[in-house]
C-alpha atoms as a PDB file:
ATOM      1  CA  MET A   1     100.091  70.548 -16.083  1.00  0.00           C
ATOM      2  CA  GLU A   2     102.506  69.644 -13.332  1.00  0.00           C
ATOM      3  CA  GLN A   3     100.831  68.709 -10.031  1.00  0.00           C
ATOM      4  CA  PRO A   4     101.547  71.289  -7.304  1.00  0.00           C
ATOM      5  CA  SER A   5     103.573  70.063  -4.366  1.00  0.00           C
ATOM      6  CA  HIS A   6     101.903  69.948  -0.965  1.00  0.00           C
ATOM      7  CA  ALA A   7     103.928  72.660   0.700  1.00  0.00           C
ATOM      8  CA  GLY A   8     105.587  74.389  -2.256  1.00  0.00           C
ATOM      9  CA  THR A   9     104.441  76.748  -4.934  1.00  0.00           C
ATOM     10  CA  PHE A  10     102.139  76.159  -7.886  1.00  0.00           C
ATOM     11  CA  ALA A  11     103.535  74.404 -10.964  1.00  0.00           C
ATOM     12  CA  GLY A  12     107.117  75.352 -10.195  1.00  0.00           C
ATOM     13  CA  THR A  13     106.412  79.099 -10.365  1.00  0.00           C
ATOM     14  CA  ASP A  14     106.586  81.755  -7.692  1.00  0.00           C
ATOM     15  CA  ALA A  15     102.793  81.656  -7.333  1.00  0.00           C
ATOM     16  CA  PRO A  16     101.465  80.349  -3.998  1.00  0.00           C
ATOM     17  CA  LEU A  17      99.722  77.006  -3.856  1.00  0.00           C
ATOM     18  CA  VAL A  18      96.638  78.379  -2.044  1.00  0.00           C
ATOM     19  CA  THR A  19      94.978  81.787  -2.161  1.00  0.00           C
ATOM     20  CA  ALA A  20      92.757  82.778   0.762  1.00  0.00           C
ATOM     21  CA  VAL A  21      90.089  85.288  -0.282  1.00  0.00           C
ATOM     22  CA  ILE A  22      88.493  87.488   2.379  1.00  0.00           C
ATOM     23  CA  PRO A  23      85.766  90.047   1.565  1.00  0.00           C
ATOM     24  CA  VAL A  24      85.260  92.782   4.148  1.00  0.00           C
ATOM     25  CA  ARG A  25      83.193  95.887   4.736  1.00  0.00           C
ATOM     26  CA  ASP A  26      83.281  98.005   7.890  1.00  0.00           C
ATOM     27  CA  ARG A  27      84.737  95.381  10.208  1.00  0.00           C
ATOM     28  CA  ALA A  28      87.814  97.102  11.579  1.00  0.00           C
ATOM     29  CA  GLY A  29      87.415  95.242  14.855  1.00  0.00           C
ATOM     30  CA  MET A  30      87.415  91.785  13.254  1.00  0.00           C
ATOM     31  CA  ILE A  31      89.372  91.779  10.007  1.00  0.00           C
ATOM     32  CA  GLY A  32      92.759  91.643  11.735  1.00  0.00           C
ATOM     33  CA  ARG A  33      91.794  88.427  13.503  1.00  0.00           C
ATOM     34  CA  ALA A  34      90.602  86.780  10.284  1.00  0.00           C
ATOM     35  CA  VAL A  35      93.729  87.763   8.337  1.00  0.00           C
ATOM     36  CA  ALA A  36      95.992  86.604  11.163  1.00  0.00           C
ATOM     37  CA  SER A  37      94.353  83.174  11.168  1.00  0.00           C
ATOM     38  CA  ALA A  38      94.909  82.862   7.413  1.00  0.00           C
ATOM     39  CA  LEU A  39      98.543  83.970   7.607  1.00  0.00           C
ATOM     40  CA  ALA A  40      99.113  81.500  10.459  1.00  0.00           C
ATOM     41  CA  GLN A  41      98.342  78.468   8.275  1.00  0.00           C
ATOM     42  CA  THR A  42     101.017  75.794   8.548  1.00  0.00           C
ATOM     43  CA  GLY A  43     102.489  73.417   5.991  1.00  0.00           C
ATOM     44  CA  VAL A  44     101.420  75.215   2.820  1.00  0.00           C
ATOM     45  CA  SER A  45     102.522  78.092   0.574  1.00  0.00           C
ATOM     46  CA  LEU A  46      99.763  80.675   0.798  1.00  0.00           C
ATOM     47  CA  GLU A  47      98.777  84.230  -0.094  1.00  0.00           C
ATOM     48  CA  VAL A  48      95.897  86.233   1.387  1.00  0.00           C
ATOM     49  CA  VAL A  49      93.786  88.513  -0.792  1.00  0.00           C
ATOM     50  CA  VAL A  50      91.475  90.874   1.100  1.00  0.00           C
ATOM     51  CA  VAL A  51      88.877  92.857  -0.837  1.00  0.00           C
ATOM     52  CA  ASP A  52      87.706  95.965   1.010  1.00  0.00           C
ATOM     53  CA  ASP A  53      84.185  96.537  -0.291  1.00  0.00           C
ATOM     54  CA  GLY A  54      83.960 100.285   0.257  1.00  0.00           C
ATOM     55  CA  SER A  55      84.567 100.395   4.016  1.00  0.00           C
ATOM     56  CA  THR A  56      84.040 103.731   5.725  1.00  0.00           C
ATOM     57  CA  ASP A  57      85.405 102.796   9.165  1.00  0.00           C
ATOM     58  CA  GLY A  58      88.990 101.964  10.105  1.00  0.00           C
ATOM     59  CA  THR A  59      89.203  98.719   8.124  1.00  0.00           C
ATOM     60  CA  ALA A  60      91.699 100.109   5.594  1.00  0.00           C
ATOM     61  CA  ALA A  61      93.985 101.336   8.377  1.00  0.00           C
ATOM     62  CA  VAL A  62      93.942  97.948  10.105  1.00  0.00           C
ATOM     63  CA  LEU A  63      94.904  96.219   6.862  1.00  0.00           C
ATOM     64  CA  ALA A  64      97.617  98.774   6.109  1.00  0.00           C
ATOM     65  CA  GLY A  65      99.173  97.990   9.466  1.00  0.00           C
ATOM     66  CA  ILE A  66      99.683  94.278   8.685  1.00  0.00           C
ATOM     67  CA  GLY A  67     103.270  93.983   7.515  1.00  0.00           C
ATOM     68  CA  ASP A  68     103.229  90.620   5.795  1.00  0.00           C
ATOM     69  CA  PRO A  69     104.247  90.395   2.111  1.00  0.00           C
ATOM     70  CA  ARG A  70     101.834  87.511   1.598  1.00  0.00           C
ATOM     71  CA  LEU A  71      98.900  89.911   2.081  1.00  0.00           C
ATOM     72  CA  ARG A  72      97.412  91.793  -0.865  1.00  0.00           C
ATOM     73  CA  VAL A  73      94.613  94.301  -0.323  1.00  0.00           C
ATOM     74  CA  LEU A  74      92.235  95.279  -3.130  1.00  0.00           C
ATOM     75  CA  ALA A  75      89.517  97.879  -2.735  1.00  0.00           C
ATOM     76  CA  HIS A  76      86.164  98.834  -4.236  1.00  0.00           C
ATOM     77  CA  ALA A  77      85.591 102.574  -4.259  1.00  0.00           C
ATOM     78  CA  HIS A  78      81.982 101.982  -3.279  1.00  0.00           C
ATOM     79  CA  SER A  79      80.260  98.959  -1.786  1.00  0.00           C
ATOM     80  CA  ARG A  80      79.207  96.456  -4.446  1.00  0.00           C
ATOM     81  CA  GLY A  81      78.184  93.598  -2.151  1.00  0.00           C
ATOM     82  CA  VAL A  82      79.789  90.411  -0.910  1.00  0.00           C
ATOM     83  CA  SER A  83      79.414  88.570  -4.234  1.00  0.00           C
ATOM     84  CA  ALA A  84      81.317  91.241  -6.140  1.00  0.00           C
ATOM     85  CA  ALA A  85      83.980  91.398  -3.426  1.00  0.00           C
ATOM     86  CA  ARG A  86      84.548  87.635  -3.533  1.00  0.00           C
ATOM     87  CA  ASN A  87      84.589  87.671  -7.339  1.00  0.00           C
ATOM     88  CA  THR A  88      87.181  90.450  -7.361  1.00  0.00           C
ATOM     89  CA  GLY A  89      89.411  88.500  -4.986  1.00  0.00           C
ATOM     90  CA  LEU A  90      89.047  85.236  -6.832  1.00  0.00           C
ATOM     91  CA  ALA A  91      89.825  86.895 -10.158  1.00  0.00           C
ATOM     92  CA  ALA A  92      93.069  88.209  -8.663  1.00  0.00           C
ATOM     93  CA  ALA A  93      94.033  84.940  -6.956  1.00  0.00           C
ATOM     94  CA  ARG A  94      97.315  83.362  -8.084  1.00  0.00           C
ATOM     95  CA  GLY A  95      97.024  79.977  -6.380  1.00  0.00           C
ATOM     96  CA  ALA A  96      96.131  76.577  -7.768  1.00  0.00           C
ATOM     97  CA  TYR A  97      93.582  76.307  -4.966  1.00  0.00           C
ATOM     98  CA  PHE A  98      91.272  78.979  -3.575  1.00  0.00           C
ATOM     99  CA  ALA A  99      89.949  79.090  -0.009  1.00  0.00           C
ATOM    100  CA  LEU A 100      87.152  81.348   1.220  1.00  0.00           C
ATOM    101  CA  LEU A 101      87.108  83.083   4.592  1.00  0.00           C
ATOM    102  CA  ASP A 102      84.567  85.584   5.876  1.00  0.00           C
ATOM    103  CA  SER A 103      85.890  88.586   7.740  1.00  0.00           C
ATOM    104  CA  ASP A 104      84.245  87.614  11.032  1.00  0.00           C
ATOM    105  CA  ASP A 105      85.452  83.988  11.035  1.00  0.00           C
ATOM    106  CA  VAL A 106      88.819  82.323  11.662  1.00  0.00           C
ATOM    107  CA  TRP A 107      90.696  79.185  10.668  1.00  0.00           C
ATOM    108  CA  LEU A 108      92.604  76.769  12.855  1.00  0.00           C
ATOM    109  CA  PRO A 109      96.319  76.687  11.870  1.00  0.00           C
ATOM    110  CA  GLU A 110      96.226  73.259  10.191  1.00  0.00           C
ATOM    111  CA  LYS A 111      92.993  73.857   8.262  1.00  0.00           C
ATOM    112  CA  THR A 112      94.418  74.602   4.817  1.00  0.00           C
ATOM    113  CA  ALA A 113      97.057  71.865   4.752  1.00  0.00           C
ATOM    114  CA  ARG A 114      94.667  69.169   5.997  1.00  0.00           C
ATOM    115  CA  GLN A 115      91.953  70.158   3.553  1.00  0.00           C
ATOM    116  CA  LEU A 116      94.393  70.276   0.665  1.00  0.00           C
ATOM    117  CA  GLU A 117      95.625  66.789   1.520  1.00  0.00           C
ATOM    118  CA  CYS A 118      92.026  65.513   1.654  1.00  0.00           C
ATOM    119  CA  MET A 119      91.124  67.046  -1.697  1.00  0.00           C
ATOM    120  CA  ARG A 120      94.155  65.653  -3.470  1.00  0.00           C
ATOM    121  CA  ALA A 121      93.675  62.181  -1.972  1.00  0.00           C
ATOM    122  CA  ARG A 122      90.036  62.053  -3.075  1.00  0.00           C
ATOM    123  CA  GLY A 123      90.399  63.946  -6.353  1.00  0.00           C
ATOM    124  CA  LEU A 124      87.921  66.629  -5.270  1.00  0.00           C
ATOM    125  CA  ALA A 125      87.308  69.920  -7.055  1.00  0.00           C
ATOM    126  CA  ILE A 126      85.582  71.463  -4.016  1.00  0.00           C
ATOM    127  CA  SER A 127      85.298  70.592  -0.349  1.00  0.00           C
ATOM    128  CA  GLN A 128      84.383  71.958   3.057  1.00  0.00           C
ATOM    129  CA  THR A 129      85.262  71.159   6.647  1.00  0.00           C
ATOM    130  CA  GLN A 130      83.296  71.046   9.847  1.00  0.00           C
ATOM    131  CA  GLU A 131      83.272  74.186  11.972  1.00  0.00           C
ATOM    132  CA  ILE A 132      82.872  75.413  15.516  1.00  0.00           C
ATOM    133  CA  TRP A 133      79.871  77.682  16.018  1.00  0.00           C
ATOM    134  CA  MET A 134      80.205  80.697  18.308  1.00  0.00           C
ATOM    135  CA  ARG A 135      77.304  83.003  19.144  1.00  0.00           C
ATOM    136  CA  GLY A 136      77.666  85.968  21.446  1.00  0.00           C
ATOM    137  CA  GLY A 137      81.086  84.695  22.510  1.00  0.00           C
ATOM    138  CA  ARG A 138      79.772  81.284  23.560  1.00  0.00           C
ATOM    139  CA  ARG A 139      80.034  77.957  21.746  1.00  0.00           C
ATOM    140  CA  VAL A 140      76.741  76.519  20.503  1.00  0.00           C
ATOM    141  CA  ASN A 141      75.889  73.229  18.840  1.00  0.00           C
ATOM    142  CA  PRO A 142      74.288  73.305  15.366  1.00  0.00           C
ATOM    143  CA  GLY A 143      70.993  71.461  14.984  1.00  0.00           C
ATOM    144  CA  ARG A 144      70.583  68.216  13.103  1.00  0.00           C
ATOM    145  CA  VAL A 145      69.098  70.051  10.125  1.00  0.00           C
ATOM    146  CA  HIS A 146      72.456  71.781   9.687  1.00  0.00           C
ATOM    147  CA  ALA A 147      74.463  68.539   9.514  1.00  0.00           C
ATOM    148  CA  LYS A 148      76.840  68.653   6.557  1.00  0.00           C
ATOM    149  CA  PRO A 149      76.561  65.846   3.992  1.00  0.00           C
ATOM    150  CA  ASP A 150      79.413  64.532   1.854  1.00  0.00           C
ATOM    151  CA  GLY A 151      79.103  64.106  -1.900  1.00  0.00           C
ATOM    152  CA  PHE A 152      76.111  64.868  -4.100  1.00  0.00           C
ATOM    153  CA  PHE A 153      73.301  66.347  -1.992  1.00  0.00           C
ATOM    154  CA  PHE A 154      71.471  68.591  -4.441  1.00  0.00           C
ATOM    155  CA  GLU A 155      67.991  67.835  -3.104  1.00  0.00           C
ATOM    156  CA  GLN A 156      68.969  68.548   0.515  1.00  0.00           C
ATOM    157  CA  ALA A 157      70.758  71.755  -0.533  1.00  0.00           C
ATOM    158  CA  LEU A 158      67.540  73.132  -2.041  1.00  0.00           C
ATOM    159  CA  ALA A 159      65.913  73.219   1.381  1.00  0.00           C
ATOM    160  CA  ARG A 160      68.711  75.067   3.183  1.00  0.00           C
ATOM    161  CA  CYS A 161      72.312  76.128   2.727  1.00  0.00           C
ATOM    162  CA  LEU A 162      74.494  73.201   3.802  1.00  0.00           C
ATOM    163  CA  VAL A 163      77.888  74.582   2.768  1.00  0.00           C
ATOM    164  CA  SER A 164      79.693  77.167   4.879  1.00  0.00           C
ATOM    165  CA  PRO A 165      81.792  79.657   2.882  1.00  0.00           C
ATOM    166  CA  SER A 166      84.542  79.974   5.505  1.00  0.00           C
ATOM    167  CA  THR A 167      85.222  76.236   5.304  1.00  0.00           C
ATOM    168  CA  VAL A 168      85.324  75.951   1.496  1.00  0.00           C
ATOM    169  CA  MET A 169      88.340  75.172  -0.660  1.00  0.00           C
ATOM    170  CA  LEU A 170      88.177  74.739  -4.443  1.00  0.00           C
ATOM    171  CA  THR A 171      90.457  74.301  -7.412  1.00  0.00           C
ATOM    172  CA  ARG A 172      91.209  77.011  -9.951  1.00  0.00           C
ATOM    173  CA  GLU A 173      89.842  74.749 -12.701  1.00  0.00           C
ATOM    174  CA  PHE A 174      86.557  74.355 -10.827  1.00  0.00           C
ATOM    175  CA  TRP A 175      86.173  78.115 -10.487  1.00  0.00           C
ATOM    176  CA  LEU A 176      86.783  78.727 -14.165  1.00  0.00           C
ATOM    177  CA  GLU A 177      84.164  76.096 -15.009  1.00  0.00           C
ATOM    178  CA  ILE A 178      81.411  77.016 -12.565  1.00  0.00           C
ATOM    179  CA  GLY A 179      81.588  80.817 -12.763  1.00  0.00           C
ATOM    180  CA  GLY A 180      81.407  83.451 -10.065  1.00  0.00           C
ATOM    181  CA  PHE A 181      78.971  84.409  -7.356  1.00  0.00           C
ATOM    182  CA  ASP A 182      75.772  86.009  -8.652  1.00  0.00           C
ATOM    183  CA  GLU A 183      76.221  89.743  -8.045  1.00  0.00           C
ATOM    184  CA  THR A 184      72.490  90.415  -8.470  1.00  0.00           C
ATOM    185  CA  LEU A 185      71.749  88.559  -5.219  1.00  0.00           C
ATOM    186  CA  PRO A 186      72.287  90.712  -2.118  1.00  0.00           C
ATOM    187  CA  ALA A 187      72.155  87.568   0.056  1.00  0.00           C
ATOM    188  CA  CYS A 188      72.014  83.788  -0.422  1.00  0.00           C
ATOM    189  CA  GLU A 189      74.712  84.122  -3.073  1.00  0.00           C
ATOM    190  CA  ASP A 190      76.432  81.095  -1.547  1.00  0.00           C
ATOM    191  CA  TYR A 191      73.215  79.022  -1.671  1.00  0.00           C
ATOM    192  CA  ASP A 192      73.025  79.847  -5.376  1.00  0.00           C
ATOM    193  CA  LEU A 193      76.629  78.811  -6.048  1.00  0.00           C
ATOM    194  CA  TRP A 194      76.366  75.530  -4.154  1.00  0.00           C
ATOM    195  CA  LEU A 195      73.268  74.536  -6.138  1.00  0.00           C
ATOM    196  CA  ARG A 196      75.084  75.231  -9.410  1.00  0.00           C
ATOM    197  CA  THR A 197      78.023  73.238  -8.076  1.00  0.00           C
ATOM    198  CA  LEU A 198      75.953  70.211  -7.096  1.00  0.00           C
ATOM    199  CA  LEU A 199      74.529  69.898 -10.594  1.00  0.00           C
ATOM    200  CA  ARG A 200      78.004  68.769 -11.685  1.00  0.00           C
ATOM    201  CA  HIS A 201      80.307  68.137  -8.719  1.00  0.00           C
ATOM    202  CA  PRO A 202      80.187  66.467  -5.324  1.00  0.00           C
ATOM    203  CA  VAL A 203      81.121  68.643  -2.371  1.00  0.00           C
ATOM    204  CA  GLY A 204      83.543  66.678  -0.215  1.00  0.00           C
ATOM    205  CA  LEU A 205      83.563  66.912   3.558  1.00  0.00           C
ATOM    206  CA  LEU A 206      86.624  66.788   5.771  1.00  0.00           C
ATOM    207  CA  ASP A 207      84.925  65.723   8.998  1.00  0.00           C
ATOM    208  CA  ALA A 208      87.006  67.833  11.368  1.00  0.00           C
ATOM    209  CA  PRO A 209      86.187  71.262  12.907  1.00  0.00           C
ATOM    210  CA  LEU A 210      88.891  73.427  11.344  1.00  0.00           C
ATOM    211  CA  ALA A 211      87.144  76.813  11.221  1.00  0.00           C
ATOM    212  CA  VAL A 212      85.375  78.954  13.804  1.00  0.00           C
ATOM    213  CA  ARG A 213      82.152  80.616  12.743  1.00  0.00           C
ATOM    214  CA  HIS A 214      81.082  83.701  14.678  1.00  0.00           C
ATOM    215  CA  GLY A 215      77.395  84.583  14.462  1.00  0.00           C
ATOM    216  CA  GLY A 216      74.557  86.370  16.143  1.00  0.00           C
ATOM    217  CA  ARG A 217      75.422  89.950  15.167  1.00  0.00           C
ATOM    218  CA  ALA A 218      73.181  92.609  13.638  1.00  0.00           C
ATOM    219  CA  ASP A 219      75.631  93.394  10.793  1.00  0.00           C
ATOM    220  CA  GLN A 220      75.437  89.922   9.233  1.00  0.00           C
ATOM    221  CA  LEU A 221      73.475  89.394   6.021  1.00  0.00           C
ATOM    222  CA  SER A 222      71.207  86.860   7.722  1.00  0.00           C
ATOM    223  CA  ALA A 223      70.074  89.638  10.075  1.00  0.00           C
ATOM    224  CA  ILE A 224      69.935  92.437   7.488  1.00  0.00           C
ATOM    225  CA  TYR A 225      67.878  90.479   4.910  1.00  0.00           C
ATOM    226  CA  LEU A 226      65.127  88.783   6.884  1.00  0.00           C
ATOM    227  CA  GLY A 227      63.079  87.513   3.918  1.00  0.00           C
ATOM    228  CA  GLN A 228      65.900  85.460   2.431  1.00  0.00           C
ATOM    229  CA  ASP A 229      63.565  82.932   0.800  1.00  0.00           C
ATOM    230  CA  LEU A 230      63.034  85.582  -1.870  1.00  0.00           C
ATOM    231  CA  PHE A 231      66.664  85.235  -2.987  1.00  0.00           C
ATOM    232  CA  ARG A 232      66.478  81.445  -2.844  1.00  0.00           C
ATOM    233  CA  ILE A 233      63.361  81.577  -5.021  1.00  0.00           C
ATOM    234  CA  ARG A 234      65.186  83.736  -7.544  1.00  0.00           C
ATOM    235  CA  SER A 235      68.078  81.278  -7.564  1.00  0.00           C
ATOM    236  CA  MET A 236      65.819  78.288  -8.210  1.00  0.00           C
ATOM    237  CA  CYS A 237      63.991  80.106 -10.995  1.00  0.00           C
ATOM    238  CA  LYS A 238      67.371  80.609 -12.681  1.00  0.00           C
ATOM    239  CA  LEU A 239      68.117  76.915 -12.373  1.00  0.00           C
ATOM    240  CA  LEU A 240      64.890  76.004 -14.154  1.00  0.00           C
ATOM    241  CA  ALA A 241      66.067  78.011 -17.162  1.00  0.00           C
ATOM    242  CA  ARG A 242      69.236  75.929 -17.535  1.00  0.00           C
ATOM    243  CA  ASP A 243      69.464  73.321 -20.279  1.00  0.00           C
ATOM    244  CA  ASP A 244      71.752  70.980 -18.335  1.00  0.00           C
ATOM    245  CA  ILE A 245      69.325  69.956 -15.582  1.00  0.00           C
ATOM    246  CA  THR A 246      67.811  66.482 -15.635  1.00  0.00           C
ATOM    247  CA  ASP A 247      64.143  65.621 -15.153  1.00  0.00           C
ATOM    248  CA  TRP A 248      65.001  64.635 -11.582  1.00  0.00           C
ATOM    249  CA  HIS A 249      66.669  67.979 -10.921  1.00  0.00           C
ATOM    250  CA  ARG A 250      63.652  69.788 -12.367  1.00  0.00           C
ATOM    251  CA  GLU A 251      61.231  67.851 -10.191  1.00  0.00           C
ATOM    252  CA  CYS A 252      63.272  68.555  -7.058  1.00  0.00           C
ATOM    253  CA  ILE A 253      63.535  72.268  -7.887  1.00  0.00           C
ATOM    254  CA  GLN A 254      59.836  72.644  -8.605  1.00  0.00           C
ATOM    255  CA  LYS A 255      58.829  70.927  -5.379  1.00  0.00           C
ATOM    256  CA  GLU A 256      61.048  73.137  -3.199  1.00  0.00           C
ATOM    257  CA  LEU A 257      60.295  76.258  -5.232  1.00  0.00           C
ATOM    258  CA  TRP A 258      56.567  75.957  -4.618  1.00  0.00           C
ATOM    259  CA  ARG A 259      57.120  75.225  -0.926  1.00  0.00           C
ATOM    260  CA  LYS A 260      59.263  78.318  -0.457  1.00  0.00           C
ATOM    261  CA  ALA A 261      57.079  80.525  -2.677  1.00  0.00           C
ATOM    262  CA  LEU A 262      53.882  79.621  -0.822  1.00  0.00           C
ATOM    263  CA  ARG A 263      55.556  80.248   2.531  1.00  0.00           C
ATOM    264  CA  TYR A 264      56.898  83.594   1.339  1.00  0.00           C
ATOM    265  CA  ALA A 265      53.523  84.615  -0.131  1.00  0.00           C
ATOM    266  CA  GLN A 266      51.711  83.675   3.075  1.00  0.00           C
ATOM    267  CA  GLY A 267      54.127  85.848   5.030  1.00  0.00           C
ATOM    268  CA  CYS A 268      53.436  88.741   2.669  1.00  0.00           C
ATOM    269  CA  LEU A 269      49.682  88.381   3.146  1.00  0.00           C
ATOM    270  CA  LYS A 270      50.092  88.389   6.934  1.00  0.00           C
ATOM    271  CA  ARG A 271      51.990  91.658   6.606  1.00  0.00           C
ATOM    272  CA  ASP A 272      49.312  93.155   4.351  1.00  0.00           C
ATOM    273  CA  LYS A 273      51.439  93.007   1.211  1.00  0.00           C
ATOM    274  CA  PRO A 274      49.149  91.264  -1.315  1.00  0.00           C
ATOM    275  CA  GLU A 275      50.941  92.826  -4.296  1.00  0.00           C
ATOM    276  CA  GLU A 276      54.251  91.228  -3.263  1.00  0.00           C
ATOM    277  CA  ALA A 277      52.531  87.874  -2.719  1.00  0.00           C
ATOM    278  CA  ALA A 278      51.015  88.043  -6.200  1.00  0.00           C
ATOM    279  CA  ARG A 279      54.342  89.106  -7.705  1.00  0.00           C
ATOM    280  CA  ILE A 280      56.232  86.145  -6.313  1.00  0.00           C
ATOM    281  CA  MET A 281      53.623  83.640  -7.491  1.00  0.00           C
ATOM    282  CA  GLU A 282      53.727  85.161 -10.962  1.00  0.00           C
ATOM    283  CA  LEU A 283      57.514  84.932 -10.910  1.00  0.00           C
ATOM    284  CA  ILE A 284      57.576  81.188 -10.395  1.00  0.00           C
ATOM    285  CA  ARG A 285      54.823  80.592 -12.961  1.00  0.00           C
ATOM    286  CA  THR A 286      56.811  82.610 -15.497  1.00  0.00           C
ATOM    287  CA  ALA A 287      59.830  80.452 -14.679  1.00  0.00           C
ATOM    288  CA  GLY A 288      57.803  77.409 -15.730  1.00  0.00           C
ATOM    289  CA  ALA A 289      57.423  75.801 -12.323  1.00  0.00           C
ATOM    290  CA  ASP A 290      54.614  73.251 -12.351  1.00  0.00           C
ATOM    291  CA  HIS A 291      52.884  72.778  -9.007  1.00  0.00           C
ATOM    292  CA  LYS A 292      54.083  69.411  -7.703  1.00  0.00           C
END
C-alpha cells in the first residue's frame, strides 16, 4: 500500500489522512469547543466524526450549526455508552490514522501533525502525547504516579490507566488487529484497551503537551462510577482467559488482580455488602487467578 503523504490524503484517494473521533452525550456547552479544536488542526488532511450517543439536551443543535464539510455527525437513537460511541465512530472513519478526542477536551492546533510525524518517524502503531490538566478552570499538575511512560509498560498499566484517550493516535491497521472498546464495560474501557494493546505493541510518547484535559465535573465517568476497580478486575479476568499471554504477563496480572480484588472486597465489607465481597472473590477464583 502506498504510504500516505504528511499533509495530503490517504493512498491517493479523496479520503482524509486522519480521522478525529469524538463521542458525546448531553454536552451542548462543550462539544462545540472540542470540534473547533479538531477542525483547527494545521498541516494535515483531516475529517471529524462525532457520535451523538443519545443526547437529550441541545447537543444535536450545536453540531447542526457547525458548517464545515469535514464534520460528519452520527447518532445513536438511545445511549449505548462511550465504548459503543467510539466504536461507531471508528468503524465509520475513512482515514489512515485515527485520533481520539473526548467531548470535554481540546487539542492544540499542531497536535495532529506533530504526532503523525512522530509516529511515522518511529514506526509506531499507537502513540499519545503529554497534556495540560485543567480542573475547575485552573491548571493543575499531575502527580508522579500519573507520569506517562514510553514503550512497553504493561506491568505499570495494570496498576492505573497511563494512557489518556484525548491524546491517542493509532493506525487503521492497528485498530483492525486489536479490536474495539469493550461495550460491556460502562467505565475503564480505555484501561481495558490499553492492556490489550500492551500485550503486543509499545505505546509511543510524544513528550509535548498538545492536548488540554478538563476534569473535576460531576458528569464524568470517574465521578459517576466510584467503584471503578470492579471494571478493572473484570478486564484483568478477561486477560487471564487469553491464550497469547506469557507466564510473565500471567504473573503480573494475578498479582495486581488480587491486590485490587482484596481492596474492593474490603470496601464492600466496610459498607455492609458481604455478598458483593464474596462475589468478587469468587469471580477471580473462577478466572483462575492464583494468589501471588
